[in-house]
Amino acid sequence: MQIIKKIGLFIFLIGLTIFTILPFIGEFKVTPASLDQIIQEKGISSEIFIQGMEENVVGEEFHGMLSLSTKIAQILETANAQHRKDKEYKKVIYTGAHDMAAAVGKASGSGFVVENKGLMWFLTFGLGILGSLLFIIPNIVLLGKKGIKNNGIYHENATNRGWIAWLVFVFLVSFYLVLYFRSEYAVNWTYLVDPISEFLSGNPAGHWFVYGFMYCTVMTVMAVRMYIKYRHNMYQMVRTTSVLFFQIVFAFLIPEIMVRLQMPYYDFKNAFPLDYDFFFQWNLKSLLNSGGIGLFILVWGIVLTLVIVPVMVYFFGKRWYCSWVCGCGGLAETLGDPYRQHSSKSLFSWKVERWLVHGVLVFAVAMTLMTLYSFFTETGTVLGLKTQSVQNTYSLLIGAFFAGVIGTGFYPIFGNRVWCRFGCPLAAYLGFVQRFKSRFRITTNGGQCISCGNCSTYCEQGIDVRAYAQKGENIIRSSCVGCGICSAVCPRGVLKLENGPLKGRINPTEILLGNDVDLMDLVNKK
């Protein structure tokens, strides 16, 4: 079995290497037809840009995206500078240089990658999936009987911030930087999944489709690992299946199919304020102009946030969303599971968490109020602040850097719930309800606790679960996402996730002195 695992790892690394090389290779030749296509799609009216493209790009062969991207950026900057100088603002091209280069590259790609999409998909995604499964599936035998399997997790370079973990960190951060800020280098990746995108939505793939497909693929493969590792715990088996279903069906397939049916692209499980641009002007106008389906999406989004989310949290805690539905949580629980022990349990981290996650929530709500005010009053500023600038700041700092680059890229170093714990505004909103008005709690049996510390070690939210278990107290924390791993790794069955009455849910704070408190009466109230 170890030989099979090594073969699988070798195959996976081949696929990953080819995938990593793709952004730096490729052949691109812009034709007059492809340029006309870009001009029409982007609504370009700048004769300076068009002339510059015709003189310096059209008919030329470019080897690799770097040379093509650099030339397009120069032409675009020259054209915009001249138009702004001449106050010809209607001719200014507001598409970013990197997005423009990605669009041109997509329309002008040629050579082996473009002509052999199926083969290249197999050599990247195919080998990656095959190698991963060959590495994971032998654990059915190697891990032995069902039960807790976390042996040696601090002795491996991959799971204890060793050199392998740092390589994974560098790869993930680099991938997200390309995805958010250098989309032109993802063009060759888009060719690999063009057939899938055209089948689902009828359109060629963009870099966000690549991300969506990779997201679902990685979650599926790592879900197999979860099934094997936690096969002794039915809660984990069902929960893993749930997040996988909602990610693949609701976040990936349904939105793509909706586009094919000429409907707005929308993820029906994505609630505000996690879906921070739901109330942006462009989205509101798009929904209102989309007829009945657009109006339904608008009403659904509001009802989901204001009614469904708090009601579900009242009955089941924030776990119903964070650990059973949310795609961010789904990736954290599958891809991020090997790193969950790195979540800091220090008091300092808890203080940073409280200020940071609630600060992001306040930022999101304030931005949305500004946006709605601007939308209804048709003004671009609120209290001297440009609404668009505030939106751009949030999108860059929170939507890109925090949720993407840091939120996932930092898994191997800071644990798998960096974004969920420190940055997600929806998690903060759910936490308010869970802390003060929810039937959810994790009950403990202090008499059975042997203080092994498994529960605290593997709590991805940085909660010192053992401290509660030793005292037999209910665990009521805003940050708890109810993943249930603490219960799954407990050797004595001390912890249990429950939905019960509010009375006795939060433990009393009386100091127990002699006969001042009836201990049996206190226990019965819990």
Protein backbone atom coordinates (compact mmCIF):
# COMPACT_ATOMS: atom_id res chain seq x y z
CA MET A 1 0.00 0.00 0.00
CA GLN A 2 2.86 2.38 0.71
CA ILE A 3 4.13 1.78 -2.84
CA ILE A 4 0.72 2.75 -4.23
CA LYS A 5 0.79 5.94 -2.15
CA LYS A 6 4.24 6.84 -3.47
CA ILE A 7 3.14 6.20 -7.06
CA GLY A 8 0.09 8.38 -6.44
CA LEU A 9 2.21 11.19 -5.04
CA PHE A 10 4.55 11.01 -8.04
CA ILE A 11 1.63 11.17 -10.50
CA PHE A 12 0.07 14.09 -8.59
CA LEU A 13 3.33 16.04 -8.65
CA ILE A 14 3.63 15.54 -12.42
CA GLY A 15 0.13 16.98 -12.94
CA LEU A 16 0.80 19.85 -10.53
CA THR A 17 4.09 20.69 -12.24
CA ILE A 18 2.50 20.87 -15.70
CA PHE A 19 -0.35 22.98 -14.30
CA THR A 20 2.15 25.37 -12.69
CA ILE A 21 4.18 25.74 -15.90
CA LEU A 22 1.20 26.61 -18.12
CA PRO A 23 0.98 30.34 -17.20
CA PHE A 24 4.51 30.86 -18.53
CA ILE A 25 4.12 29.18 -21.92
CA GLY A 26 1.78 29.40 -24.90
CA GLU A 27 1.56 31.06 -28.26
CA PHE A 28 -0.61 34.08 -29.01
CA LYS A 29 -1.31 35.75 -32.35
CA VAL A 30 -3.86 38.57 -32.49
CA THR A 31 -5.77 38.69 -35.78
CA PRO A 32 -7.95 41.54 -37.06
CA ALA A 33 -10.99 39.36 -36.35
CA SER A 34 -9.99 38.71 -32.75
CA LEU A 35 -9.32 42.42 -32.21
CA ASP A 36 -12.73 43.31 -33.60
CA GLN A 37 -14.24 40.78 -31.21
CA ILE A 38 -12.56 42.44 -28.23
CA ILE A 39 -13.58 45.93 -29.39
CA GLN A 40 -17.19 44.85 -29.68
CA GLU A 41 -17.30 42.96 -26.37
CA LYS A 42 -15.66 45.77 -24.38
CA GLY A 43 -17.45 48.60 -26.20
CA ILE A 44 -14.15 50.30 -27.02
CA SER A 45 -14.37 53.64 -28.86
CA SER A 46 -10.76 54.75 -28.41
CA GLU A 47 -9.17 55.17 -31.82
CA ILE A 48 -5.78 55.61 -30.13
CA PHE A 49 -6.02 52.17 -28.50
CA ILE A 50 -7.29 50.53 -31.68
CA GLN A 51 -4.52 52.11 -33.77
CA GLY A 52 -1.89 51.11 -31.23
CA MET A 53 -3.12 47.53 -31.26
CA GLU A 54 -3.18 47.38 -35.06
CA GLU A 55 0.37 48.74 -35.34
CA ASN A 56 2.07 46.87 -32.50
CA VAL A 57 0.08 43.73 -31.74
CA VAL A 58 -2.06 42.53 -34.66
CA GLY A 59 -0.22 40.01 -36.80
CA GLU A 60 2.62 39.61 -34.32
CA GLU A 61 3.43 36.27 -32.67
CA PHE A 62 3.98 36.29 -28.91
CA HIS A 63 5.58 33.44 -27.03
CA GLY A 64 4.22 33.50 -23.50
CA MET A 65 1.84 35.97 -21.90
CA LEU A 66 4.49 38.26 -20.43
CA SER A 67 5.45 39.95 -23.71
CA LEU A 68 1.84 40.28 -24.90
CA SER A 69 0.59 41.60 -21.55
CA THR A 70 3.34 44.20 -21.32
CA LYS A 71 2.63 45.60 -24.77
CA ILE A 72 -1.15 45.76 -24.23
CA ALA A 73 -0.66 47.55 -20.90
CA GLN A 74 1.55 50.19 -22.57
CA ILE A 75 -0.96 50.81 -25.37
CA LEU A 76 -3.86 51.02 -22.93
CA GLU A 77 -2.09 53.44 -20.59
CA THR A 78 -1.01 55.67 -23.49
CA ALA A 79 -4.56 55.81 -24.89
CA ASN A 80 -6.20 56.57 -21.55
CA ALA A 81 -3.63 59.24 -20.67
CA GLN A 82 -4.26 61.06 -23.94
CA HIS A 83 -8.04 60.86 -23.61
CA ARG A 84 -7.95 62.19 -20.06
CA LYS A 85 -5.66 65.00 -21.18
CA ASP A 86 -8.12 65.89 -23.96
CA LYS A 87 -11.07 65.42 -21.53
CA GLU A 88 -12.52 62.71 -23.80
CA TYR A 89 -13.84 60.71 -20.86
CA LYS A 90 -16.28 58.69 -22.94
CA LYS A 91 -13.34 57.19 -24.80
CA VAL A 92 -11.44 56.21 -21.67
CA ILE A 93 -11.17 52.42 -21.32
CA TYR A 94 -12.04 51.41 -17.75
CA THR A 95 -11.14 47.76 -18.20
CA GLY A 96 -7.93 47.09 -16.28
CA ALA A 97 -4.74 46.34 -18.18
CA HIS A 98 -4.55 42.79 -16.83
CA ASP A 99 -8.19 42.04 -17.63
CA MET A 100 -7.71 43.47 -21.13
CA ALA A 101 -4.62 41.31 -21.65
CA ALA A 102 -6.58 38.27 -20.47
CA ALA A 103 -9.40 38.99 -22.93
CA VAL A 104 -6.99 39.51 -25.83
CA GLY A 105 -5.00 36.42 -24.90
CA LYS A 106 -8.13 34.29 -24.67
CA ALA A 107 -9.23 35.35 -28.15
CA SER A 108 -5.80 34.93 -29.75
CA GLY A 109 -4.36 31.76 -28.23
CA SER A 110 -2.86 29.16 -30.55
CA GLY A 111 -0.50 26.22 -30.48
CA PHE A 112 -0.38 22.89 -28.66
CA VAL A 113 -2.37 23.81 -25.55
CA VAL A 114 -5.30 25.27 -27.50
CA GLU A 115 -5.33 22.45 -30.04
CA ASN A 116 -5.14 19.65 -27.43
CA LYS A 117 -7.47 20.75 -24.64
CA GLY A 118 -8.56 17.24 -23.70
CA LEU A 119 -5.02 15.91 -23.49
CA MET A 120 -3.85 18.91 -21.47
CA TRP A 121 -6.81 18.52 -19.09
CA PHE A 122 -5.74 14.92 -18.46
CA LEU A 123 -2.10 15.91 -17.96
CA THR A 124 -3.09 18.48 -15.33
CA PHE A 125 -6.46 17.91 -13.67
CA GLY A 126 -6.61 14.25 -14.66
CA LEU A 127 -3.20 13.32 -13.25
CA GLY A 128 -3.84 15.46 -10.19
CA ILE A 129 -7.11 13.68 -9.41
CA LEU A 130 -5.72 10.22 -10.17
CA GLY A 131 -2.57 10.76 -8.14
CA SER A 132 -4.46 12.20 -5.18
CA LEU A 133 -6.88 9.27 -5.03
CA LEU A 134 -4.02 6.76 -5.27
CA PHE A 135 -2.37 8.56 -2.36
CA ILE A 136 -5.56 8.76 -0.25
CA ILE A 137 -7.47 5.50 -0.81
CA PRO A 138 -4.80 3.13 0.61
CA ASN A 139 -5.47 4.75 3.99
CA ILE A 140 -8.55 2.53 4.24
CA VAL A 141 -6.12 -0.28 4.97
CA LEU A 142 -3.17 1.64 6.43
CA LEU A 143 -5.22 3.46 9.07
CA GLY A 144 -6.55 0.16 10.40
CA LYS A 145 -9.89 -0.12 12.16
CA LYS A 146 -12.35 2.75 12.45
CA GLY A 147 -11.46 5.28 15.11
CA ILE A 148 -9.50 8.41 15.92
CA LYS A 149 -6.54 8.70 13.55
CA ASN A 150 -4.36 11.71 14.29
CA ASN A 151 -1.14 9.87 15.13
CA GLY A 152 2.09 11.62 14.17
CA ILE A 153 0.43 14.78 12.91
CA TYR A 154 3.07 16.95 14.61
CA HIS A 155 5.87 14.75 13.26
CA GLU A 156 5.20 15.39 9.57
CA ASN A 157 6.63 18.26 7.56
CA ALA A 158 3.35 18.62 5.71
CA THR A 159 1.21 19.08 8.83
CA ASN A 160 3.55 20.82 11.27
CA ARG A 161 4.76 23.87 9.36
CA GLY A 162 7.69 22.03 7.84
CA TRP A 163 9.20 22.68 4.42
CA ILE A 164 6.36 20.88 2.64
CA ALA A 165 3.80 23.06 4.39
CA TRP A 166 5.70 26.19 3.38
CA LEU A 167 5.80 25.03 -0.25
CA VAL A 168 2.03 24.52 -0.15
CA PHE A 169 1.69 27.98 1.40
CA VAL A 170 3.74 29.57 -1.40
CA PHE A 171 1.76 27.74 -4.10
CA LEU A 172 -1.65 28.67 -2.67
CA VAL A 173 -0.74 32.32 -2.15
CA SER A 174 0.75 32.54 -5.66
CA PHE A 175 -2.33 30.91 -7.17
CA TYR A 176 -4.66 33.40 -5.51
CA LEU A 177 -2.49 36.36 -6.48
CA VAL A 178 -2.70 35.25 -10.12
CA LEU A 179 -6.43 34.67 -9.82
CA TYR A 180 -7.23 38.10 -8.37
CA PHE A 181 -4.54 40.36 -9.78
CA ARG A 182 -2.92 38.77 -12.87
CA SER A 183 -5.78 37.03 -14.64
CA GLU A 184 -3.94 37.06 -17.98
CA TYR A 185 -1.62 34.35 -16.69
CA ALA A 186 -4.61 32.07 -16.14
CA VAL A 187 -5.54 32.06 -19.86
CA ASN A 188 -3.92 28.68 -20.57
CA TRP A 189 -5.80 27.22 -17.60
CA THR A 190 -9.08 28.41 -19.09
CA TYR A 191 -8.46 26.44 -22.29
CA LEU A 192 -8.36 23.21 -20.27
CA VAL A 193 -11.93 23.61 -19.04
CA ASP A 194 -13.45 25.31 -22.10
CA PRO A 195 -15.41 22.19 -23.11
CA ILE A 196 -16.94 21.92 -19.62
CA SER A 197 -17.85 25.61 -19.53
CA GLU A 198 -19.37 25.52 -23.01
CA PHE A 199 -21.42 22.46 -22.05
CA LEU A 200 -22.81 24.13 -18.91
CA SER A 201 -23.25 27.79 -19.80
CA GLY A 202 -22.59 27.89 -23.53
CA ASN A 203 -19.65 30.27 -23.02
CA PRO A 204 -15.87 29.81 -23.08
CA ALA A 205 -14.27 29.51 -19.66
CA GLY A 206 -12.89 32.47 -17.78
CA HIS A 207 -10.44 32.41 -14.90
CA TRP A 208 -13.30 32.39 -12.37
CA PHE A 209 -14.75 29.29 -14.00
CA VAL A 210 -11.34 27.66 -13.62
CA TYR A 211 -11.44 28.55 -9.94
CA GLY A 212 -14.97 27.20 -9.51
CA PHE A 213 -14.08 23.93 -11.21
CA MET A 214 -10.87 23.56 -9.18
CA TYR A 215 -12.77 24.38 -6.00
CA CYS A 216 -15.27 21.57 -6.60
CA THR A 217 -12.56 19.14 -7.73
CA VAL A 218 -10.34 19.75 -4.69
CA MET A 219 -13.29 19.51 -2.31
CA THR A 220 -14.42 16.23 -3.87
CA VAL A 221 -10.99 14.61 -3.70
CA MET A 222 -10.36 15.78 -0.14
CA ALA A 223 -13.87 14.68 0.83
CA VAL A 224 -12.76 11.13 0.03
CA ARG A 225 -10.00 11.64 2.57
CA MET A 226 -12.56 12.87 5.12
CA TYR A 227 -14.77 9.81 4.52
CA ILE A 228 -11.84 7.52 5.22
CA LYS A 229 -10.39 9.39 8.19
CA TYR A 230 -13.69 9.99 10.00
CA ARG A 231 -15.55 6.86 8.95
CA HIS A 232 -16.18 6.09 12.62
CA ASN A 233 -18.34 9.23 12.96
CA MET A 234 -21.63 9.43 11.05
CA TYR A 235 -21.99 13.16 11.75
CA GLN A 236 -18.77 13.86 9.83
CA MET A 237 -19.79 11.61 6.96
CA VAL A 238 -23.15 13.34 6.48
CA ARG A 239 -21.73 16.82 7.05
CA THR A 240 -19.01 16.30 4.44
CA THR A 241 -21.60 15.09 1.93
CA SER A 242 -23.73 18.16 2.65
CA VAL A 243 -21.03 20.79 2.01
CA LEU A 244 -19.97 18.89 -1.11
CA PHE A 245 -23.53 18.87 -2.45
CA PHE A 246 -24.15 22.57 -1.82
CA GLN A 247 -20.84 23.61 -3.35
CA ILE A 248 -21.13 21.53 -6.53
CA VAL A 249 -24.85 21.95 -7.15
CA PHE A 250 -25.73 25.40 -5.75
CA ALA A 251 -22.45 27.29 -6.09
CA PHE A 252 -21.22 25.80 -9.37
CA LEU A 253 -23.75 23.97 -11.55
CA ILE A 254 -26.95 25.98 -11.00
CA PRO A 255 -25.39 29.44 -11.62
CA GLU A 256 -23.73 28.22 -14.83
CA ILE A 257 -26.95 26.66 -16.08
CA MET A 258 -28.83 29.86 -15.23
CA VAL A 259 -26.48 31.76 -17.54
CA ARG A 260 -27.25 29.30 -20.32
CA LEU A 261 -30.96 30.01 -19.76
CA GLN A 262 -30.22 33.76 -19.98
CA MET A 263 -30.79 34.34 -16.29
CA PRO A 264 -28.55 36.21 -13.82
CA TYR A 265 -25.59 34.28 -12.44
CA TYR A 266 -26.50 33.64 -8.80
CA ASP A 267 -25.56 31.34 -5.94
CA PHE A 268 -28.78 30.80 -3.97
CA LYS A 269 -26.94 29.76 -0.79
CA ASN A 270 -24.65 32.79 -0.64
CA ALA A 271 -26.07 35.14 2.00
CA PHE A 272 -25.30 38.79 2.68
CA PRO A 273 -22.95 40.09 4.07
CA LEU A 274 -20.70 37.27 2.83
CA ASP A 275 -22.15 38.09 -0.58
CA TYR A 276 -21.03 41.68 -0.05
CA ASP A 277 -21.79 42.97 -3.56
CA PHE A 278 -25.42 41.81 -3.52
CA PHE A 279 -26.60 45.40 -2.96
CA PHE A 280 -24.06 47.05 -5.26
CA GLN A 281 -25.67 49.32 -7.87
CA TRP A 282 -24.65 47.19 -10.84
CA ASN A 283 -26.15 44.05 -9.25
CA LEU A 284 -29.40 45.74 -8.22
CA LYS A 285 -29.85 47.19 -11.72
CA SER A 286 -29.06 43.82 -13.29
CA LEU A 287 -31.63 42.04 -11.12
CA LEU A 288 -34.33 44.66 -11.64
CA ASN A 289 -33.77 44.49 -15.41
CA SER A 290 -33.98 40.67 -15.47
CA GLY A 291 -37.74 40.42 -15.04
CA GLY A 292 -39.43 37.98 -12.67
CA ILE A 293 -36.37 35.84 -11.92
CA GLY A 294 -34.35 38.93 -11.02
CA LEU A 295 -37.06 40.16 -8.64
CA PHE A 296 -37.27 36.68 -7.09
CA ILE A 297 -33.49 36.62 -6.51
CA LEU A 298 -33.65 40.07 -4.92
CA VAL A 299 -36.46 39.05 -2.55
CA TRP A 300 -34.80 35.70 -1.82
CA GLY A 301 -31.49 37.37 -0.94
CA ILE A 302 -33.20 39.73 1.52
CA VAL A 303 -35.35 37.01 3.10
CA LEU A 304 -32.34 34.66 3.35
CA THR A 305 -30.36 37.26 5.29
CA LEU A 306 -33.07 38.73 7.51
CA VAL A 307 -35.33 35.71 8.14
CA ILE A 308 -33.93 32.30 7.16
CA VAL A 309 -30.41 32.79 8.55
CA PRO A 310 -31.38 33.92 12.10
CA VAL A 311 -34.25 31.41 12.35
CA MET A 312 -32.00 28.53 11.36
CA VAL A 313 -29.32 29.69 13.78
CA TYR A 314 -31.90 29.81 16.56
CA PHE A 315 -32.83 26.17 16.04
CA PHE A 316 -29.50 24.66 14.93
CA GLY A 317 -26.72 27.17 15.62
CA LYS A 318 -24.41 28.68 13.02
CA ARG A 319 -23.23 25.17 12.16
CA TRP A 320 -26.19 24.75 9.77
CA TYR A 321 -24.49 27.25 7.46
CA CYS A 322 -20.78 27.37 8.35
CA SER A 323 -20.28 23.59 8.48
CA TRP A 324 -23.09 22.21 6.34
CA VAL A 325 -23.73 24.72 3.52
CA CYS A 326 -21.00 27.35 3.11
CA GLY A 327 -18.45 26.83 0.35
CA CYS A 328 -15.70 28.60 2.33
CA GLY A 329 -16.39 26.26 5.22
CA GLY A 330 -16.52 23.31 2.86
CA LEU A 331 -13.04 24.01 1.51
CA ALA A 332 -11.75 24.58 5.06
CA GLU A 333 -13.18 21.25 6.22
CA THR A 334 -11.79 19.23 3.30
CA LEU A 335 -8.61 20.80 1.93
CA GLY A 336 -7.90 22.48 5.25
CA ASP A 337 -8.49 19.53 7.58
CA PRO A 338 -4.78 18.50 7.75
CA TYR A 339 -3.98 21.95 9.16
CA ARG A 340 -6.79 22.47 11.69
CA GLN A 341 -4.42 21.99 14.66
CA HIS A 342 -2.59 25.23 13.80
CA SER A 343 -5.47 27.46 14.88
CA SER A 344 -4.10 29.58 17.72
CA LYS A 345 -5.70 29.11 21.13
CA SER A 346 -4.00 32.13 22.75
CA LEU A 347 -5.86 34.93 24.50
CA PHE A 348 -4.23 37.43 22.14
CA SER A 349 -5.65 35.62 19.09
CA TRP A 350 -9.10 35.64 20.66
CA LYS A 351 -8.91 39.41 21.23
CA VAL A 352 -7.74 40.00 17.66
CA GLU A 353 -10.54 37.76 16.40
CA ARG A 354 -13.25 39.70 18.24
CA TRP A 355 -12.12 43.09 16.99
CA LEU A 356 -11.27 42.01 13.45
CA VAL A 357 -14.30 39.91 12.53
CA HIS A 358 -16.75 42.41 14.00
CA GLY A 359 -14.85 45.27 12.38
CA VAL A 360 -15.30 43.63 8.96
CA LEU A 361 -19.04 43.22 9.70
CA VAL A 362 -19.38 46.92 10.57
CA PHE A 363 -17.43 47.81 7.41
CA ALA A 364 -19.72 45.64 5.25
CA VAL A 365 -22.93 47.02 6.77
CA ALA A 366 -21.75 50.65 6.55
CA MET A 367 -20.69 50.15 2.93
CA THR A 368 -24.06 48.62 2.09
CA LEU A 369 -25.98 51.50 3.71
CA MET A 370 -23.89 53.94 1.68
CA THR A 371 -24.58 51.91 -1.46
CA LEU A 372 -28.34 51.83 -0.92
CA TYR A 373 -28.40 55.56 -0.15
CA SER A 374 -26.47 56.27 -3.35
CA PHE A 375 -28.76 53.97 -5.33
CA PHE A 376 -32.03 55.56 -4.22
CA THR A 377 -30.80 59.18 -4.24
CA GLU A 378 -28.73 58.73 -7.43
CA THR A 379 -25.68 60.32 -5.86
CA GLY A 380 -22.11 59.08 -5.88
CA THR A 381 -21.00 60.41 -2.50
CA VAL A 382 -22.14 60.02 1.10
CA LEU A 383 -20.74 62.32 3.80
CA GLY A 384 -18.00 63.35 1.40
CA LEU A 385 -16.95 59.76 0.67
CA LYS A 386 -17.22 58.27 -2.81
CA THR A 387 -19.36 55.14 -2.63
CA GLN A 388 -17.43 53.52 -5.45
CA SER A 389 -14.12 54.09 -3.65
CA VAL A 390 -15.45 52.47 -0.47
CA GLN A 391 -16.71 49.49 -2.49
CA ASN A 392 -13.37 49.14 -4.28
CA THR A 393 -11.51 49.27 -0.95
CA TYR A 394 -13.68 46.53 0.55
CA SER A 395 -13.42 44.38 -2.59
CA LEU A 396 -9.62 44.66 -2.59
CA LEU A 397 -8.82 44.36 1.11
CA ILE A 398 -11.57 41.99 2.25
CA GLY A 399 -12.88 40.28 -0.88
CA ALA A 400 -9.50 39.60 -2.48
CA PHE A 401 -6.68 39.73 0.07
CA PHE A 402 -8.45 38.57 3.24
CA ALA A 403 -10.98 36.06 1.89
CA GLY A 404 -8.78 34.73 -0.91
CA VAL A 405 -5.04 35.18 -0.54
CA ILE A 406 -4.93 35.02 3.27
CA GLY A 407 -8.13 33.07 3.91
CA THR A 408 -7.05 30.01 1.94
CA GLY A 409 -3.36 30.58 1.23
CA PHE A 410 -2.51 30.64 4.93
CA TYR A 411 -4.09 27.22 5.69
CA PRO A 412 -0.74 25.42 6.17
CA ILE A 413 0.58 28.04 8.60
CA PHE A 414 -2.34 29.46 10.61
CA GLY A 415 -4.97 26.75 10.30
CA ASN A 416 -7.96 26.12 8.08
CA ARG A 417 -10.43 28.71 9.37
CA VAL A 418 -8.41 31.93 9.10
CA TRP A 419 -11.12 33.67 7.06
CA CYS A 420 -14.07 32.15 8.91
CA ARG A 421 -12.62 33.03 12.30
CA PHE A 422 -11.07 36.46 11.71
CA GLY A 423 -12.74 37.95 8.64
CA CYS A 424 -16.11 36.54 7.57
CA PRO A 425 -18.84 39.14 8.26
CA LEU A 426 -21.57 36.52 7.94
CA ALA A 427 -19.86 34.42 10.61
CA ALA A 428 -19.90 37.47 12.91
CA TYR A 429 -23.62 37.98 12.24
CA LEU A 430 -24.38 34.30 12.86
CA GLY A 431 -22.23 34.41 15.99
CA PHE A 432 -24.32 37.19 17.53
CA VAL A 433 -27.45 35.09 17.19
CA GLN A 434 -25.78 31.87 18.33
CA ARG A 435 -24.30 33.45 21.45
CA PHE A 436 -27.47 35.08 22.73
CA LYS A 437 -30.48 33.45 21.06
CA SER A 438 -29.91 29.87 19.91
CA ARG A 439 -30.80 26.40 21.09
CA PHE A 440 -27.40 25.07 20.04
CA ARG A 441 -24.74 24.10 22.56
CA ILE A 442 -22.02 21.47 22.99
CA THR A 443 -22.71 19.62 26.22
CA THR A 444 -19.91 18.06 28.24
CA ASN A 445 -19.57 15.24 30.75
CA GLY A 446 -16.78 16.41 33.01
CA GLY A 447 -16.68 13.17 34.96
CA GLN A 448 -15.53 11.27 31.85
CA CYS A 449 -12.87 13.79 30.69
CA ILE A 450 -9.29 12.51 30.95
CA SER A 451 -7.74 15.84 29.86
CA CYS A 452 -6.07 14.34 26.78
CA GLY A 453 -6.47 17.68 24.97
CA ASN A 454 -7.55 16.24 21.61
CA CYS A 455 -10.62 18.48 21.54
CA SER A 456 -8.68 21.72 22.04
CA THR A 457 -5.86 20.68 19.71
CA TYR A 458 -8.16 20.06 16.77
CA CYS A 459 -10.59 22.93 17.33
CA GLU A 460 -10.25 24.97 14.16
CA GLN A 461 -11.78 28.04 15.82
CA GLY A 462 -9.17 28.27 18.57
CA ILE A 463 -11.53 27.38 21.43
CA ASP A 464 -10.02 25.72 24.51
CA VAL A 465 -12.65 22.98 24.55
CA ARG A 466 -10.85 20.99 27.24
CA ALA A 467 -11.29 23.81 29.77
CA TYR A 468 -15.07 23.51 29.37
CA ALA A 469 -15.02 19.72 29.38
CA GLN A 470 -13.01 19.54 32.61
CA LYS A 471 -15.64 21.65 34.39
CA GLY A 472 -18.61 19.95 32.75
CA GLU A 473 -19.81 23.26 31.28
CA ASN A 474 -21.82 23.77 28.12
CA ILE A 475 -19.75 25.24 25.30
CA ILE A 476 -21.47 28.40 24.13
CA ARG A 477 -19.20 30.47 21.89
CA SER A 478 -19.97 32.87 19.06
CA SER A 479 -17.05 31.52 17.05
CA CYS A 480 -17.99 27.82 17.28
CA VAL A 481 -19.05 26.54 13.85
CA GLY A 482 -20.29 23.20 15.16
CA CYS A 483 -17.97 21.16 12.94
CA GLY A 484 -18.07 18.41 15.58
CA ILE A 485 -14.42 17.40 15.22
CA CYS A 486 -13.89 17.92 18.95
CA SER A 487 -16.51 15.26 19.56
CA ALA A 488 -15.14 13.02 16.80
CA VAL A 489 -11.63 12.94 18.30
CA CYS A 490 -12.71 12.55 21.93
CA PRO A 491 -11.76 9.03 23.13
CA ARG A 492 -14.33 9.03 25.95
CA GLY A 493 -17.46 10.46 24.33
CA VAL A 494 -17.39 13.51 26.61
CA LEU A 495 -18.71 16.02 24.04
CA LYS A 496 -22.10 16.06 22.36
CA LEU A 497 -23.63 18.58 19.93
CA GLU A 498 -27.21 19.32 20.96
CA ASN A 499 -30.14 21.61 20.25
CA GLY A 500 -32.04 22.12 23.50
CA PRO A 501 -34.10 24.65 25.43
CA LEU A 502 -32.64 28.09 26.16
CA LYS A 503 -33.07 27.63 29.91
CA GLY A 504 -29.85 26.41 31.46
CA ARG A 505 -27.98 26.75 28.19
CA ILE A 506 -25.45 29.30 29.44
CA ASN A 507 -23.86 28.17 32.68
CA PRO A 508 -24.36 30.24 35.85
CA THR A 509 -21.40 32.12 37.21
CA GLU A 510 -21.92 31.56 40.94
CA ILE A 511 -18.84 30.58 42.92
CA LEU A 512 -19.49 27.24 44.59
CA LEU A 513 -18.79 27.63 48.31
CA GLY A 514 -19.78 24.81 50.67
CA ASN A 515 -23.54 24.55 51.06
CA ASP A 516 -24.30 27.96 49.54
CA VAL A 517 -25.36 26.28 46.30
CA ASP A 518 -27.35 23.09 45.88
CA LEU A 519 -25.05 21.22 43.48
CA MET A 520 -27.67 18.70 42.39
CA ASP A 521 -30.16 21.46 41.72
CA LEU A 522 -27.54 23.30 39.66
CA VAL A 523 -26.73 20.16 37.62
CA ASN A 524 -30.40 19.50 36.94
CA LYS A 525 -30.83 22.99 35.53
CA LYS A 526 -28.10 22.51 32.91
